[in-house]
Amino acid sequence: MIIAFCIILQHVTRLSPIITAYISQSNYQGFS
């Protein structure tokens, strides 16, 4: 259970820059 949580945490931290970039891009398009 803890191992699976660690694996999920690794994937989340790996994908977080992509997610934040996508959110900032969509927010920028929404404001403009």
PDB file of N, CA and C in Angstrom:
ATOM      1  N   MET A   1       0.840  -1.192   0.000  1.00  0.00           N
ATOM      2  CA  MET A   1       0.000   0.000   0.000  1.00  0.00           C
ATOM      3  C   MET A   1       0.880   1.249   0.000  1.00  0.00           C
ATOM      4  N   ILE A   2       1.853   1.277   0.895  1.00  0.00           N
ATOM      5  CA  ILE A   2       2.748   2.436   0.969  1.00  0.00           C
ATOM      6  C   ILE A   2       3.605   2.528  -0.294  1.00  0.00           C
ATOM      7  N   ILE A   3       3.993   1.361  -0.836  1.00  0.00           N
ATOM      8  CA  ILE A   3       4.820   1.344  -2.050  1.00  0.00           C
ATOM      9  C   ILE A   3       4.017   1.920  -3.222  1.00  0.00           C
ATOM     10  N   ALA A   4       2.758   1.539  -3.313  1.00  0.00           N
ATOM     11  CA  ALA A   4       1.911   2.054  -4.391  1.00  0.00           C
ATOM     12  C   ALA A   4       1.737   3.561  -4.254  1.00  0.00           C
ATOM     13  N   PHE A   5       1.607   4.031  -3.021  1.00  0.00           N
ATOM     14  CA  PHE A   5       1.473   5.472  -2.787  1.00  0.00           C
ATOM     15  C   PHE A   5       2.727   6.206  -3.231  1.00  0.00           C
ATOM     16  N   CYS A   6       3.876   5.608  -2.966  1.00  0.00           N
ATOM     17  CA  CYS A   6       5.144   6.226  -3.384  1.00  0.00           C
ATOM     18  C   CYS A   6       5.249   6.278  -4.904  1.00  0.00           C
ATOM     19  N   ILE A   7       4.798   5.207  -5.564  1.00  0.00           N
ATOM     20  CA  ILE A   7       4.841   5.179  -7.030  1.00  0.00           C
ATOM     21  C   ILE A   7       3.915   6.249  -7.598  1.00  0.00           C
ATOM     22  N   ILE A   8       2.726   6.360  -7.019  1.00  0.00           N
ATOM     23  CA  ILE A   8       1.785   7.387  -7.483  1.00  0.00           C
ATOM     24  C   ILE A   8       2.367   8.769  -7.237  1.00  0.00           C
ATOM     25  N   LEU A   9       3.011   8.938  -6.088  1.00  0.00           N
ATOM     26  CA  LEU A   9       3.605  10.236  -5.765  1.00  0.00           C
ATOM     27  C   LEU A   9       4.702  10.593  -6.765  1.00  0.00           C
ATOM     28  N   GLN A  10       5.484   9.606  -7.165  1.00  0.00           N
ATOM     29  CA  GLN A  10       6.533   9.860  -8.168  1.00  0.00           C
ATOM     30  C   GLN A  10       5.916  10.296  -9.494  1.00  0.00           C
ATOM     31  N   HIS A  11       4.832   9.627  -9.909  1.00  0.00           N
ATOM     32  CA  HIS A  11       4.193   9.995 -11.170  1.00  0.00           C
ATOM     33  C   HIS A  11       3.600  11.394 -11.077  1.00  0.00           C
ATOM     34  N   VAL A  12       3.024  11.725  -9.929  1.00  0.00           N
ATOM     35  CA  VAL A  12       2.413  13.047  -9.764  1.00  0.00           C
ATOM     36  C   VAL A  12       3.485  14.126  -9.828  1.00  0.00           C
ATOM     37  N   THR A  13       4.601  13.910  -9.141  1.00  0.00           N
ATOM     38  CA  THR A  13       5.660  14.914  -9.153  1.00  0.00           C
ATOM     39  C   THR A  13       6.299  15.007 -10.539  1.00  0.00           C
ATOM     40  N   ARG A  14       6.280  13.904 -11.269  1.00  0.00           N
ATOM     41  CA  ARG A  14       6.849  13.926 -12.626  1.00  0.00           C
ATOM     42  C   ARG A  14       5.921  14.672 -13.571  1.00  0.00           C
ATOM     43  N   LEU A  15       4.612  14.549 -13.353  1.00  0.00           N
ATOM     44  CA  LEU A  15       3.653  15.170 -14.263  1.00  0.00           C
ATOM     45  C   LEU A  15       3.256  16.574 -13.824  1.00  0.00           C
ATOM     46  N   SER A  16       3.596  16.963 -12.606  1.00  0.00           N
ATOM     47  CA  SER A  16       3.137  18.259 -12.101  1.00  0.00           C
ATOM     48  C   SER A  16       3.639  19.443 -12.937  1.00  0.00           C
ATOM     49  N   PRO A  17       4.887  19.466 -13.430  1.00  0.00           N
ATOM     50  CA  PRO A  17       5.288  20.597 -14.285  1.00  0.00           C
ATOM     51  C   PRO A  17       4.457  20.673 -15.558  1.00  0.00           C
ATOM     52  N   ILE A  18       4.103  19.521 -16.125  1.00  0.00           N
ATOM     53  CA  ILE A  18       3.278  19.504 -17.332  1.00  0.00           C
ATOM     54  C   ILE A  18       1.876  20.016 -17.009  1.00  0.00           C
ATOM     55  N   ILE A  19       1.358  19.594 -15.863  1.00  0.00           N
ATOM     56  CA  ILE A  19       0.008  20.010 -15.472  1.00  0.00           C
ATOM     57  C   ILE A  19      -0.017  21.512 -15.197  1.00  0.00           C
ATOM     58  N   THR A  20       0.983  22.008 -14.489  1.00  0.00           N
ATOM     59  CA  THR A  20       1.015  23.442 -14.175  1.00  0.00           C
ATOM     60  C   THR A  20       1.198  24.263 -15.447  1.00  0.00           C
ATOM     61  N   ALA A  21       2.005  23.768 -16.379  1.00  0.00           N
ATOM     62  CA  ALA A  21       2.200  24.485 -17.643  1.00  0.00           C
ATOM     63  C   ALA A  21       0.897  24.504 -18.443  1.00  0.00           C
ATOM     64  N   TYR A  22       0.175  23.375 -18.436  1.00  0.00           N
ATOM     65  CA  TYR A  22      -1.092  23.303 -19.164  1.00  0.00           C
ATOM     66  C   TYR A  22      -2.121  24.234 -18.535  1.00  0.00           C
ATOM     67  N   ILE A  23      -2.160  24.277 -17.194  1.00  0.00           N
ATOM     68  CA  ILE A  23      -3.118  25.138 -16.502  1.00  0.00           C
ATOM     69  C   ILE A  23      -2.784  26.603 -16.758  1.00  0.00           C
ATOM     70  N   SER A  24      -1.496  26.947 -16.677  1.00  0.00           N
ATOM     71  CA  SER A  24      -1.107  28.346 -16.900  1.00  0.00           C
ATOM     72  C   SER A  24      -1.389  28.758 -18.345  1.00  0.00           C
ATOM     73  N   GLN A  25      -1.190  27.821 -19.277  1.00  0.00           N
ATOM     74  CA  GLN A  25      -1.452  28.125 -20.683  1.00  0.00           C
ATOM     75  C   GLN A  25      -2.949  28.335 -20.904  1.00  0.00           C
ATOM     76  N   SER A  26      -3.774  27.468 -20.308  1.00  0.00           N
ATOM     77  CA  SER A  26      -5.220  27.589 -20.482  1.00  0.00           C
ATOM     78  C   SER A  26      -5.729  28.844 -19.775  1.00  0.00           C
ATOM     79  N   ASN A  27      -5.138  29.185 -18.626  1.00  0.00           N
ATOM     80  CA  ASN A  27      -5.527  30.409 -17.932  1.00  0.00           C
ATOM     81  C   ASN A  27      -5.139  31.633 -18.756  1.00  0.00           C
ATOM     82  N   TYR A  28      -3.978  31.579 -19.385  1.00  0.00           N
ATOM     83  CA  TYR A  28      -3.522  32.692 -20.215  1.00  0.00           C
ATOM     84  C   TYR A  28      -4.452  32.873 -21.412  1.00  0.00           C
ATOM     85  N   GLN A  29      -4.855  31.765 -22.017  1.00  0.00           N
ATOM     86  CA  GLN A  29      -5.770  31.847 -23.155  1.00  0.00           C
ATOM     87  C   GLN A  29      -7.149  32.341 -22.695  1.00  0.00           C
ATOM     88  N   GLY A  30      -7.530  31.958 -21.476  1.00  0.00           N
ATOM     89  CA  GLY A  30      -8.828  32.387 -20.961  1.00  0.00           C
ATOM     90  C   GLY A  30      -8.852  33.880 -20.667  1.00  0.00           C
ATOM     91  N   PHE A  31      -7.725  34.401 -20.126  1.00  0.00           N
ATOM     92  CA  PHE A  31      -7.680  35.816 -19.803  1.00  0.00           C
ATOM     93  C   PHE A  31      -7.571  36.657 -21.064  1.00  0.00           C
ATOM     94  N   SER A  32      -6.860  36.172 -22.067  1.00  0.00           N
ATOM     95  CA  SER A  32      -6.671  36.930 -23.294  1.00  0.00           C
ATOM     96  C   SER A  32      -7.829  36.633 -24.259  1.00  0.00           C
TER      97      SER A  32
END
